[in-house]
Amino acid sequence: MLIKNSAEETTHLRTKSRFYVAGWVANTLNELPQKLPKGYTHDPAAMNLWTEYLLGYGDSYANNESV
């Protein structure tokens, strides 16, 4: 889905988790993606949240490349 303006972006982000939104915003601000802290690689809940973050980061990157 290509997001072309701030209204579409707001609508899209309101349907996502906080971690997805954090990844989206990090990419928007040209930050490098956060790394998963040591010790959390065997924690399924932490991995799921980190995966959501990376998904948001990647989707934002892909959207910005398409615009």
C-alpha atoms as a PDB file:
ATOM      1  CA  MET A   1       0.000   0.000   0.000  1.00  0.00           C
ATOM      2  CA  LEU A   2       1.469   3.328  -1.049  1.00  0.00           C
ATOM      3  CA  ILE A   3       0.912   6.100   1.469  1.00  0.00           C
ATOM      4  CA  LYS A   4       0.959   9.476  -0.245  1.00  0.00           C
ATOM      5  CA  ASN A   5       0.047  12.031   2.432  1.00  0.00           C
ATOM      6  CA  SER A   6      -0.078  12.572   6.187  1.00  0.00           C
ATOM      7  CA  ALA A   7      -3.799  11.707   6.446  1.00  0.00           C
ATOM      8  CA  GLU A   8      -3.188   8.309   4.827  1.00  0.00           C
ATOM      9  CA  GLU A   9      -0.134   7.815   7.045  1.00  0.00           C
ATOM     10  CA  THR A  10      -2.131   8.572  10.195  1.00  0.00           C
ATOM     11  CA  THR A  11      -4.908   6.199   9.160  1.00  0.00           C
ATOM     12  CA  HIS A  12      -2.377   3.458   8.393  1.00  0.00           C
ATOM     13  CA  LEU A  13      -0.402   3.869  11.623  1.00  0.00           C
ATOM     14  CA  ARG A  14      -3.529   3.889  13.821  1.00  0.00           C
ATOM     15  CA  THR A  15      -4.095   0.258  12.828  1.00  0.00           C
ATOM     16  CA  LYS A  16      -0.593  -0.840  13.875  1.00  0.00           C
ATOM     17  CA  SER A  17       1.185  -1.654  17.136  1.00  0.00           C
ATOM     18  CA  ARG A  18       3.374   0.823  19.013  1.00  0.00           C
ATOM     19  CA  PHE A  19       6.453  -1.091  17.963  1.00  0.00           C
ATOM     20  CA  TYR A  20       5.517  -0.939  14.289  1.00  0.00           C
ATOM     21  CA  VAL A  21       4.923   2.808  14.649  1.00  0.00           C
ATOM     22  CA  ALA A  22       8.276   3.230  16.431  1.00  0.00           C
ATOM     23  CA  GLY A  23      10.026   1.535  13.517  1.00  0.00           C
ATOM     24  CA  TRP A  24       8.133   3.649  10.995  1.00  0.00           C
ATOM     25  CA  VAL A  25       9.039   6.875  12.804  1.00  0.00           C
ATOM     26  CA  ALA A  26      12.686   5.843  13.233  1.00  0.00           C
ATOM     27  CA  ASN A  27      13.010   5.408   9.481  1.00  0.00           C
ATOM     28  CA  THR A  28      11.189   8.671   8.824  1.00  0.00           C
ATOM     29  CA  LEU A  29      13.765  10.434  11.041  1.00  0.00           C
ATOM     30  CA  ASN A  30      16.629   8.729   9.143  1.00  0.00           C
ATOM     31  CA  GLU A  31      17.735   6.755  12.189  1.00  0.00           C
ATOM     32  CA  LEU A  32      19.401   3.379  11.960  1.00  0.00           C
ATOM     33  CA  PRO A  33      17.154   0.549  13.119  1.00  0.00           C
ATOM     34  CA  GLN A  34      17.483  -0.470  16.767  1.00  0.00           C
ATOM     35  CA  LYS A  35      19.190  -3.761  17.543  1.00  0.00           C
ATOM     36  CA  LEU A  36      17.715  -6.374  19.812  1.00  0.00           C
ATOM     37  CA  PRO A  37      19.600  -6.221  23.145  1.00  0.00           C
ATOM     38  CA  LYS A  38      21.725  -9.225  24.105  1.00  0.00           C
ATOM     39  CA  GLY A  39      19.881 -11.730  26.201  1.00  0.00           C
ATOM     40  CA  TYR A  40      16.533 -11.219  24.479  1.00  0.00           C
ATOM     41  CA  THR A  41      17.129 -13.471  21.482  1.00  0.00           C
ATOM     42  CA  HIS A  42      15.548 -16.448  23.293  1.00  0.00           C
ATOM     43  CA  ASP A  43      12.516 -14.502  24.511  1.00  0.00           C
ATOM     44  CA  PRO A  44       9.632 -15.086  22.062  1.00  0.00           C
ATOM     45  CA  ALA A  45       7.694 -12.016  23.245  1.00  0.00           C
ATOM     46  CA  ALA A  46      10.707  -9.745  22.766  1.00  0.00           C
ATOM     47  CA  MET A  47      11.384 -11.255  19.355  1.00  0.00           C
ATOM     48  CA  ASN A  48       7.779 -10.636  18.274  1.00  0.00           C
ATOM     49  CA  LEU A  49       7.927  -6.987  19.342  1.00  0.00           C
ATOM     50  CA  TRP A  50      11.301  -6.467  17.691  1.00  0.00           C
ATOM     51  CA  THR A  51       9.967  -8.084  14.510  1.00  0.00           C
ATOM     52  CA  GLU A  52       7.027  -5.636  14.563  1.00  0.00           C
ATOM     53  CA  TYR A  53       9.520  -2.763  14.908  1.00  0.00           C
ATOM     54  CA  LEU A  54      11.561  -3.984  11.933  1.00  0.00           C
ATOM     55  CA  LEU A  55       8.410  -4.475   9.866  1.00  0.00           C
ATOM     56  CA  GLY A  56       7.395  -0.861  10.500  1.00  0.00           C
ATOM     57  CA  TYR A  57      10.911   0.332   9.681  1.00  0.00           C
ATOM     58  CA  GLY A  58      10.957  -1.659   6.443  1.00  0.00           C
ATOM     59  CA  ASP A  59       7.467  -0.629   5.379  1.00  0.00           C
ATOM     60  CA  SER A  60       8.336   3.024   5.937  1.00  0.00           C
ATOM     61  CA  TYR A  61      11.520   2.618   3.927  1.00  0.00           C
ATOM     62  CA  ALA A  62       9.674   0.905   1.079  1.00  0.00           C
ATOM     63  CA  ASN A  63       6.950   3.549   1.093  1.00  0.00           C
ATOM     64  CA  ASN A  64       9.479   6.387   0.966  1.00  0.00           C
ATOM     65  CA  GLU A  65      11.284   4.721  -1.933  1.00  0.00           C
ATOM     66  CA  SER A  66       7.991   4.440  -3.851  1.00  0.00           C
ATOM     67  CA  VAL A  67       6.909   8.044  -3.413  1.00  0.00           C
END
